[in-house]
């Protein structure tokens, strides 16, 4: 199982996602509301262990296309992202983490900052984004 596939599957379990809204990989449509997960650049290996295993990071962005026509819609979107970041923290504390398949074990998943309006379009929609980091242990071959 690829990391991005595991992350996508895991994020679909968040109960506050809008019903019927797709969660894409490397793609985000222009209609409100759609979600997407995008891998980000960053160091893969944080620490190499003597036994050949390693501590690794997988940074990614979670985005959504949302309505931005009025202040209330923008506030609701930012409230959603704040609750989403809190959910990630609670999931880590409770040990409910993505299933990464064999030889990889998720340790933490957390937002690395606040959500923000990433891109305002010409219409009444915009793209919001929050950056997230998955930390995991990879066993030796």
Protein backbone atom coordinates (compact mmCIF):
# COMPACT_ATOMS: atom_id res chain seq x y z
CA UNK A 1 0.00 0.00 0.00
CA UNK A 2 1.39 3.41 -0.92
CA UNK A 3 1.62 6.12 1.73
CA UNK A 4 -0.64 8.49 -0.20
CA UNK A 5 -3.28 5.77 -0.57
CA UNK A 6 -3.11 5.04 3.18
CA UNK A 7 -3.44 8.75 3.98
CA UNK A 8 -6.38 9.18 1.61
CA UNK A 9 -8.18 6.21 3.13
CA UNK A 10 -7.49 7.44 6.66
CA UNK A 11 -8.72 10.98 6.02
CA UNK A 12 -11.98 9.62 4.60
CA UNK A 13 -12.76 8.43 8.13
CA UNK A 14 -13.12 12.01 9.39
CA UNK A 15 -16.82 12.29 10.11
CA UNK A 16 -17.06 16.03 9.42
CA UNK A 17 -16.27 15.71 5.70
CA UNK A 18 -19.30 16.78 3.69
CA UNK A 19 -21.43 13.83 2.59
CA UNK A 20 -20.79 12.85 -0.99
CA UNK A 21 -17.80 15.17 -1.39
CA UNK A 22 -14.91 13.42 -3.15
CA UNK A 23 -11.44 13.18 -1.64
CA UNK A 24 -8.96 13.19 -4.52
CA UNK A 25 -5.20 12.61 -4.76
CA UNK A 26 -3.14 15.24 -6.61
CA UNK A 27 -6.28 16.83 -8.02
CA UNK A 28 -8.85 19.31 -6.76
CA UNK A 29 -11.95 20.26 -8.70
CA UNK A 30 -13.47 23.72 -8.86
CA UNK A 31 -16.84 22.89 -7.31
CA UNK A 32 -17.55 23.40 -3.61
CA UNK A 33 -17.00 21.16 -1.70
CA UNK A 34 -14.24 18.83 -2.87
CA UNK A 35 -11.20 17.61 -0.92
CA UNK A 36 -7.71 16.61 -1.99
CA UNK A 37 -4.46 15.35 -0.54
CA UNK A 38 -1.14 16.40 -2.08
CA UNK A 39 2.30 15.04 -1.17
CA UNK A 40 4.76 17.81 -0.24
CA UNK A 41 8.53 17.94 -0.56
CA UNK A 42 10.57 17.22 2.53
CA UNK A 43 13.08 14.90 4.11
CA UNK A 44 11.99 11.28 4.11
CA UNK A 45 14.38 9.86 6.67
CA UNK A 46 14.61 11.69 9.98
CA UNK A 47 16.71 9.15 11.84
CA UNK A 48 18.46 5.97 10.76
CA UNK A 49 18.63 3.15 13.33
CA UNK A 50 21.52 0.69 13.77
CA UNK A 51 19.25 -2.26 12.95
CA UNK A 52 18.51 -0.78 9.50
CA UNK A 53 15.12 0.63 10.43
CA UNK A 54 14.34 4.31 10.35
CA UNK A 55 12.09 7.08 11.58
CA UNK A 56 10.49 8.80 8.60
CA UNK A 57 8.21 11.71 7.79
CA UNK A 58 5.59 12.10 5.10
CA UNK A 59 4.50 15.73 4.69
CA UNK A 60 1.31 16.43 2.75
CA UNK A 61 -1.31 19.09 2.26
CA UNK A 62 -5.04 18.63 2.75
CA UNK A 63 -7.03 21.02 0.57
CA UNK A 64 -10.64 21.78 -0.18
CA UNK A 65 -12.56 23.91 -2.60
CA UNK A 66 -15.03 25.98 -0.59
CA UNK A 67 -17.49 28.81 -1.04
CA UNK A 68 -15.97 32.18 -0.16
CA UNK A 69 -18.76 34.57 -1.15
CA UNK A 70 -19.50 35.81 2.35
CA UNK A 71 -17.84 36.10 5.72
CA UNK A 72 -19.99 33.39 7.34
CA UNK A 73 -18.92 30.79 4.75
CA UNK A 74 -15.25 31.64 5.27
CA UNK A 75 -15.63 31.41 9.07
CA UNK A 76 -17.35 28.03 8.79
CA UNK A 77 -14.52 26.74 6.62
CA UNK A 78 -11.86 27.90 9.08
CA UNK A 79 -13.88 26.34 11.93
CA UNK A 80 -13.91 23.05 9.97
CA UNK A 81 -10.13 23.13 9.59
CA UNK A 82 -9.54 23.98 13.24
CA UNK A 83 -11.72 21.02 14.28
CA UNK A 84 -9.91 18.84 11.73
CA UNK A 85 -6.50 19.71 13.23
CA UNK A 86 -7.86 18.95 16.71
CA UNK A 87 -9.16 15.61 15.41
CA UNK A 88 -5.70 14.70 14.11
CA UNK A 89 -4.21 15.48 17.55
CA UNK A 90 -6.87 13.37 19.30
CA UNK A 91 -6.34 10.49 16.87
CA UNK A 92 -2.62 10.48 17.66
CA UNK A 93 -3.27 10.56 21.41
CA UNK A 94 -5.74 7.68 21.07
CA UNK A 95 -3.40 5.66 18.85
CA UNK A 96 -5.86 5.69 15.94
CA UNK A 97 -3.46 6.15 13.06
CA UNK A 98 -3.27 5.24 9.37
CA UNK A 99 -2.64 1.62 8.46
CA UNK A 100 0.56 1.78 6.43
CA UNK A 101 0.79 -1.90 5.60
CA UNK A 102 3.67 -4.19 6.41
CA UNK A 103 7.02 -2.96 7.73
CA UNK A 104 5.68 0.57 8.39
CA UNK A 105 3.98 1.77 11.58
CA UNK A 106 2.45 5.22 11.96
CA UNK A 107 3.61 7.08 15.08
CA UNK A 108 1.90 10.48 14.78
CA UNK A 109 -0.19 12.55 12.44
CA UNK A 110 -0.54 16.27 13.05
CA UNK A 111 -1.19 19.59 11.40
CA UNK A 112 2.01 21.61 11.21
CA UNK A 113 0.26 24.98 11.10
CA UNK A 114 -3.08 26.70 10.67
CA UNK A 115 -5.34 26.38 7.66
CA UNK A 116 -5.46 29.33 5.30
CA UNK A 117 -7.00 30.52 2.06
CA UNK A 118 -4.45 29.13 -0.36
CA UNK A 119 -5.94 30.46 -3.57
CA UNK A 120 -8.90 32.73 -4.31
CA UNK A 121 -10.45 32.09 -7.69
CA UNK A 122 -12.38 34.42 -9.98
CA UNK A 123 -15.66 32.94 -8.79
CA UNK A 124 -17.21 32.58 -5.36
CA UNK A 125 -14.92 29.69 -4.45
CA UNK A 126 -11.44 29.40 -3.08
CA UNK A 127 -8.98 26.71 -2.09
CA UNK A 128 -8.17 26.26 1.59
CA UNK A 129 -5.13 24.29 2.73
CA UNK A 130 -3.58 22.87 5.86
CA UNK A 131 -0.20 21.16 5.96
CA UNK A 132 0.13 17.86 7.81
CA UNK A 133 2.99 15.57 8.74
CA UNK A 134 2.75 11.82 9.19
CA UNK A 135 5.62 10.37 11.20
CA UNK A 136 6.21 6.63 10.95
CA UNK A 137 8.72 3.91 11.69
CA UNK A 138 9.96 1.71 8.88
CA UNK A 139 11.34 -1.68 9.80
CA UNK A 140 14.46 -3.01 8.12
CA UNK A 141 13.99 -5.13 5.00
